[in-house]
């Protein structure tokens, strides 16, 4: 976890039920904000807040078309998230198999 600040932003973005719901919906492909608003039954300002956090974390991309924003999952950002979790799992595995590395 070389860049802890970026990891904190990422995990904060994932630590919200509405944002996880948005990410789940985006697994089917790009969605317009208007569709997300209807499906989530939240206000436009609330959706904007959540999307700003997801975009700043790098796991969602935004494309503007007229007055609407279209959102999609960002594979690069999600790959970085996956690597962070994988590194943690690998470190945990090393410590589990080598008890000499643990504190007593």
N, C-alpha and C. Protein backbone atom coordinates (compact mmCIF):
# COMPACT_ATOMS: atom_id res chain seq x y z
N UNK A 1 0.85 -1.18 0.00
CA UNK A 1 0.00 0.00 0.00
C UNK A 1 0.89 1.24 0.00
N UNK A 2 1.48 1.48 -1.15
CA UNK A 2 2.42 2.58 -1.27
C UNK A 2 1.74 3.94 -1.17
N UNK A 3 0.55 4.05 -1.72
CA UNK A 3 -0.13 5.35 -1.71
C UNK A 3 -1.37 5.25 -0.82
N UNK A 4 -1.18 5.38 0.47
CA UNK A 4 -2.27 5.20 1.43
C UNK A 4 -3.38 6.24 1.25
N UNK A 5 -3.01 7.47 0.91
CA UNK A 5 -4.04 8.50 0.73
C UNK A 5 -5.03 8.13 -0.36
N UNK A 6 -4.53 7.60 -1.46
CA UNK A 6 -5.40 7.19 -2.56
C UNK A 6 -6.24 5.98 -2.15
N UNK A 7 -5.66 5.07 -1.39
CA UNK A 7 -6.40 3.90 -0.90
C UNK A 7 -7.52 4.32 0.04
N UNK A 8 -7.28 5.33 0.86
CA UNK A 8 -8.30 5.82 1.78
C UNK A 8 -9.48 6.38 0.98
N UNK A 9 -9.20 7.15 -0.05
CA UNK A 9 -10.26 7.72 -0.90
C UNK A 9 -11.06 6.58 -1.54
N UNK A 10 -10.37 5.57 -2.02
CA UNK A 10 -11.03 4.43 -2.65
C UNK A 10 -11.95 3.70 -1.67
N UNK A 11 -11.42 3.36 -0.50
CA UNK A 11 -12.22 2.58 0.45
C UNK A 11 -13.35 3.39 1.06
N UNK A 12 -13.17 4.70 1.20
CA UNK A 12 -14.29 5.55 1.63
C UNK A 12 -15.39 5.55 0.57
N UNK A 13 -14.98 5.56 -0.70
CA UNK A 13 -15.97 5.53 -1.78
C UNK A 13 -16.77 4.24 -1.75
N UNK A 14 -16.14 3.16 -1.38
CA UNK A 14 -16.82 1.86 -1.35
C UNK A 14 -17.63 1.64 -0.08
N UNK A 15 -17.44 2.49 0.91
CA UNK A 15 -18.05 2.29 2.23
C UNK A 15 -19.40 2.98 2.36
N UNK A 16 -20.23 2.85 1.35
CA UNK A 16 -21.55 3.47 1.39
C UNK A 16 -22.51 2.59 0.58
N UNK A 17 -23.66 2.30 1.15
CA UNK A 17 -24.63 1.41 0.50
C UNK A 17 -25.12 1.97 -0.83
N UNK A 18 -25.39 3.28 -0.89
CA UNK A 18 -25.86 3.87 -2.16
C UNK A 18 -24.80 3.76 -3.24
N UNK A 19 -23.54 4.01 -2.88
CA UNK A 19 -22.48 3.95 -3.88
C UNK A 19 -22.25 2.52 -4.34
N UNK A 20 -22.35 1.57 -3.44
CA UNK A 20 -22.23 0.16 -3.86
C UNK A 20 -23.38 -0.22 -4.79
N UNK A 21 -24.56 0.30 -4.51
CA UNK A 21 -25.71 0.05 -5.38
C UNK A 21 -25.49 0.65 -6.77
N UNK A 22 -24.91 1.84 -6.81
CA UNK A 22 -24.60 2.47 -8.09
C UNK A 22 -23.60 1.63 -8.86
N UNK A 23 -22.54 1.18 -8.18
CA UNK A 23 -21.53 0.35 -8.85
C UNK A 23 -22.14 -0.93 -9.39
N UNK A 24 -23.02 -1.54 -8.61
CA UNK A 24 -23.69 -2.76 -9.07
C UNK A 24 -24.49 -2.51 -10.35
N UNK A 25 -25.20 -1.40 -10.39
CA UNK A 25 -25.98 -1.07 -11.59
C UNK A 25 -25.09 -0.82 -12.79
N UNK A 26 -23.91 -0.25 -12.55
CA UNK A 26 -23.00 0.07 -13.65
C UNK A 26 -22.30 -1.17 -14.21
N UNK A 27 -22.40 -2.31 -13.54
CA UNK A 27 -21.80 -3.53 -14.08
C UNK A 27 -22.46 -3.94 -15.38
N UNK A 28 -23.68 -3.47 -15.62
CA UNK A 28 -24.37 -3.77 -16.86
C UNK A 28 -23.99 -2.85 -18.00
N UNK A 29 -23.15 -1.86 -17.73
CA UNK A 29 -22.71 -0.93 -18.76
C UNK A 29 -23.04 0.51 -18.38
N UNK A 30 -22.72 1.40 -19.28
CA UNK A 30 -22.92 2.84 -19.04
C UNK A 30 -24.38 3.16 -18.78
N UNK A 31 -24.61 4.06 -17.82
CA UNK A 31 -25.95 4.52 -17.51
C UNK A 31 -25.99 6.03 -17.41
N UNK A 32 -27.07 6.59 -17.88
CA UNK A 32 -27.31 8.03 -17.76
C UNK A 32 -27.73 8.33 -16.32
N UNK A 33 -27.37 9.52 -15.86
CA UNK A 33 -27.76 9.94 -14.52
C UNK A 33 -29.27 9.85 -14.33
N UNK A 34 -30.03 10.15 -15.39
CA UNK A 34 -31.49 10.10 -15.28
C UNK A 34 -31.98 8.69 -14.94
N UNK A 35 -31.32 7.67 -15.47
CA UNK A 35 -31.70 6.29 -15.17
C UNK A 35 -31.35 5.96 -13.72
N UNK A 36 -30.16 6.38 -13.30
CA UNK A 36 -29.77 6.13 -11.91
C UNK A 36 -30.71 6.82 -10.94
N UNK A 37 -31.12 8.02 -11.28
CA UNK A 37 -32.06 8.76 -10.41
C UNK A 37 -33.36 7.99 -10.24
N UNK A 38 -33.88 7.47 -11.34
CA UNK A 38 -35.14 6.71 -11.28
C UNK A 38 -34.98 5.42 -10.48
N UNK A 39 -33.90 4.70 -10.74
CA UNK A 39 -33.70 3.40 -10.11
C UNK A 39 -33.40 3.50 -8.62
N UNK A 40 -32.68 4.55 -8.23
CA UNK A 40 -32.27 4.68 -6.83
C UNK A 40 -33.26 5.47 -5.99
N UNK A 41 -34.13 6.22 -6.66
CA UNK A 41 -35.12 7.03 -5.96
C UNK A 41 -34.45 7.98 -4.96
N UNK A 42 -33.44 8.72 -5.45
CA UNK A 42 -32.74 9.72 -4.66
C UNK A 42 -32.78 11.05 -5.40
N UNK A 43 -32.44 12.11 -4.71
CA UNK A 43 -32.46 13.43 -5.34
C UNK A 43 -31.25 13.58 -6.27
N UNK A 44 -31.36 14.55 -7.17
CA UNK A 44 -30.27 14.82 -8.11
C UNK A 44 -29.01 15.26 -7.37
N UNK A 45 -29.17 16.06 -6.33
CA UNK A 45 -28.00 16.53 -5.59
C UNK A 45 -27.32 15.38 -4.84
N UNK A 46 -28.11 14.44 -4.33
CA UNK A 46 -27.54 13.28 -3.65
C UNK A 46 -26.78 12.41 -4.64
N UNK A 47 -27.36 12.19 -5.83
CA UNK A 47 -26.68 11.41 -6.84
C UNK A 47 -25.38 12.10 -7.25
N UNK A 48 -25.42 13.41 -7.45
CA UNK A 48 -24.21 14.15 -7.83
C UNK A 48 -23.11 13.99 -6.79
N UNK A 49 -23.49 14.05 -5.53
CA UNK A 49 -22.52 13.87 -4.43
C UNK A 49 -21.87 12.49 -4.52
N UNK A 50 -22.68 11.46 -4.67
CA UNK A 50 -22.15 10.09 -4.74
C UNK A 50 -21.27 9.91 -5.97
N UNK A 51 -21.69 10.45 -7.10
CA UNK A 51 -20.92 10.27 -8.33
C UNK A 51 -19.59 11.01 -8.26
N UNK A 52 -19.59 12.15 -7.63
CA UNK A 52 -18.34 12.91 -7.45
C UNK A 52 -17.33 12.07 -6.66
N UNK A 53 -17.79 11.44 -5.60
CA UNK A 53 -16.91 10.61 -4.77
C UNK A 53 -16.40 9.41 -5.56
N UNK A 54 -17.29 8.74 -6.31
CA UNK A 54 -16.88 7.58 -7.09
C UNK A 54 -15.90 7.96 -8.21
N UNK A 55 -16.13 9.10 -8.84
CA UNK A 55 -15.23 9.56 -9.90
C UNK A 55 -13.88 9.97 -9.33
N UNK A 56 -13.88 10.67 -8.21
CA UNK A 56 -12.62 11.09 -7.58
C UNK A 56 -11.81 9.89 -7.10
N UNK A 57 -12.49 8.80 -6.74
CA UNK A 57 -11.80 7.59 -6.33
C UNK A 57 -11.22 6.84 -7.53
N UNK A 58 -11.65 7.23 -8.73
CA UNK A 58 -11.12 6.63 -9.95
C UNK A 58 -11.79 5.33 -10.36
N UNK A 59 -12.92 5.00 -9.75
CA UNK A 59 -13.56 3.73 -10.10
C UNK A 59 -14.78 3.90 -11.01
N UNK A 60 -15.15 5.15 -11.26
CA UNK A 60 -16.23 5.46 -12.19
C UNK A 60 -15.76 6.59 -13.11
N UNK A 61 -16.15 6.49 -14.37
CA UNK A 61 -15.85 7.54 -15.35
C UNK A 61 -17.14 8.24 -15.74
N UNK A 62 -17.02 9.51 -16.10
CA UNK A 62 -18.18 10.31 -16.49
C UNK A 62 -17.98 10.83 -17.91
N UNK A 63 -19.05 10.74 -18.70
CA UNK A 63 -19.05 11.28 -20.05
C UNK A 63 -20.26 12.20 -20.16
N UNK A 64 -20.03 13.44 -20.55
CA UNK A 64 -21.12 14.42 -20.69
C UNK A 64 -21.70 14.35 -22.10
N UNK A 65 -23.01 14.40 -22.16
CA UNK A 65 -23.72 14.46 -23.44
C UNK A 65 -24.88 15.42 -23.26
N UNK A 66 -24.73 16.61 -23.79
CA UNK A 66 -25.75 17.63 -23.56
C UNK A 66 -25.78 17.99 -22.10
N UNK A 67 -26.98 17.98 -21.53
CA UNK A 67 -27.08 18.32 -20.11
C UNK A 67 -26.99 17.11 -19.20
N UNK A 68 -26.86 15.92 -19.78
CA UNK A 68 -26.82 14.71 -18.98
C UNK A 68 -25.41 14.15 -18.85
N UNK A 69 -25.17 13.50 -17.74
CA UNK A 69 -23.92 12.79 -17.50
C UNK A 69 -24.19 11.30 -17.62
N UNK A 70 -23.25 10.64 -18.27
CA UNK A 70 -23.33 9.19 -18.44
C UNK A 70 -22.15 8.58 -17.69
N UNK A 71 -22.44 7.57 -16.88
CA UNK A 71 -21.43 6.99 -16.01
C UNK A 71 -21.16 5.55 -16.38
N UNK A 72 -19.90 5.16 -16.20
CA UNK A 72 -19.49 3.77 -16.44
C UNK A 72 -18.37 3.42 -15.47
N UNK A 73 -18.18 2.12 -15.29
CA UNK A 73 -17.09 1.66 -14.43
C UNK A 73 -15.76 1.95 -15.11
N UNK A 74 -14.77 2.30 -14.32
CA UNK A 74 -13.42 2.58 -14.83
C UNK A 74 -12.56 1.35 -14.51
N UNK A 75 -12.26 0.59 -15.55
CA UNK A 75 -11.50 -0.64 -15.37
C UNK A 75 -10.13 -0.43 -14.73
N UNK A 76 -9.45 0.65 -15.11
CA UNK A 76 -8.13 0.92 -14.52
C UNK A 76 -8.24 1.17 -13.02
N UNK A 77 -9.21 1.99 -12.63
CA UNK A 77 -9.40 2.29 -11.22
C UNK A 77 -9.80 1.06 -10.42
N UNK A 78 -10.68 0.25 -11.00
CA UNK A 78 -11.08 -0.98 -10.31
C UNK A 78 -9.91 -1.96 -10.22
N UNK A 79 -9.05 -1.97 -11.24
CA UNK A 79 -7.87 -2.82 -11.22
C UNK A 79 -6.92 -2.42 -10.09
N UNK A 80 -6.77 -1.11 -9.87
CA UNK A 80 -5.94 -0.63 -8.76
C UNK A 80 -6.53 -1.06 -7.42
N UNK A 81 -7.86 -0.99 -7.32
CA UNK A 81 -8.53 -1.44 -6.09
C UNK A 81 -8.29 -2.92 -5.87
N UNK A 82 -8.40 -3.69 -6.93
CA UNK A 82 -8.17 -5.13 -6.84
C UNK A 82 -6.73 -5.42 -6.40
N UNK A 83 -5.77 -4.69 -6.96
CA UNK A 83 -4.37 -4.89 -6.59
C UNK A 83 -4.12 -4.56 -5.11
N UNK A 84 -4.76 -3.51 -4.63
CA UNK A 84 -4.60 -3.14 -3.22
C UNK A 84 -5.09 -4.27 -2.32
N UNK A 85 -6.27 -4.80 -2.62
CA UNK A 85 -6.82 -5.89 -1.82
C UNK A 85 -5.96 -7.14 -1.97
N UNK A 86 -5.51 -7.43 -3.19
CA UNK A 86 -4.66 -8.61 -3.41
C UNK A 86 -3.36 -8.50 -2.62
N UNK A 87 -2.75 -7.32 -2.58
CA UNK A 87 -1.52 -7.12 -1.81
C UNK A 87 -1.76 -7.37 -0.32
N UNK A 88 -2.90 -6.91 0.18
CA UNK A 88 -3.23 -7.15 1.59
C UNK A 88 -3.42 -8.64 1.86
N UNK A 89 -4.09 -9.32 0.94
CA UNK A 89 -4.30 -10.77 1.11
C UNK A 89 -2.98 -11.53 1.05
N UNK A 90 -2.11 -11.13 0.14
CA UNK A 90 -0.80 -11.78 0.04
C UNK A 90 0.01 -11.57 1.31
N UNK A 91 -0.01 -10.35 1.84
CA UNK A 91 0.72 -10.07 3.07
C UNK A 91 0.16 -10.89 4.23
N UNK A 92 -1.15 -10.99 4.30
CA UNK A 92 -1.77 -11.79 5.36
C UNK A 92 -1.40 -13.26 5.23
N UNK A 93 -1.31 -13.75 4.01
CA UNK A 93 -0.94 -15.14 3.77
C UNK A 93 0.50 -15.41 4.21
N UNK A 94 1.39 -14.47 3.92
CA UNK A 94 2.79 -14.62 4.31
C UNK A 94 2.91 -14.69 5.83
N UNK A 95 2.20 -13.82 6.52
CA UNK A 95 2.27 -13.81 7.98
C UNK A 95 1.61 -15.05 8.58
N UNK A 96 0.61 -15.58 7.92
CA UNK A 96 -0.07 -16.76 8.43
C UNK A 96 0.83 -18.00 8.31
N UNK A 97 1.58 -18.08 7.21
CA UNK A 97 2.42 -19.25 6.98
C UNK A 97 3.80 -19.12 7.63
N UNK A 98 4.16 -17.91 8.09
CA UNK A 98 5.45 -17.70 8.73
C UNK A 98 5.23 -17.00 10.07
N UNK A 99 4.96 -17.78 11.12
CA UNK A 99 4.64 -17.20 12.42
C UNK A 99 5.78 -16.36 13.00
N UNK A 100 7.01 -16.54 12.53
CA UNK A 100 8.13 -15.75 13.05
C UNK A 100 8.00 -14.27 12.70
N UNK A 101 7.18 -13.93 11.70
CA UNK A 101 7.00 -12.54 11.29
C UNK A 101 5.97 -11.80 12.13
N UNK A 102 5.23 -12.55 12.95
CA UNK A 102 4.20 -11.92 13.79
C UNK A 102 4.76 -11.48 15.12
N UNK A 103 4.10 -10.48 15.70
CA UNK A 103 4.49 -10.02 17.03
C UNK A 103 4.08 -11.05 18.08
N UNK A 104 4.81 -11.09 19.15
CA UNK A 104 4.51 -12.04 20.24
C UNK A 104 3.93 -11.28 21.39
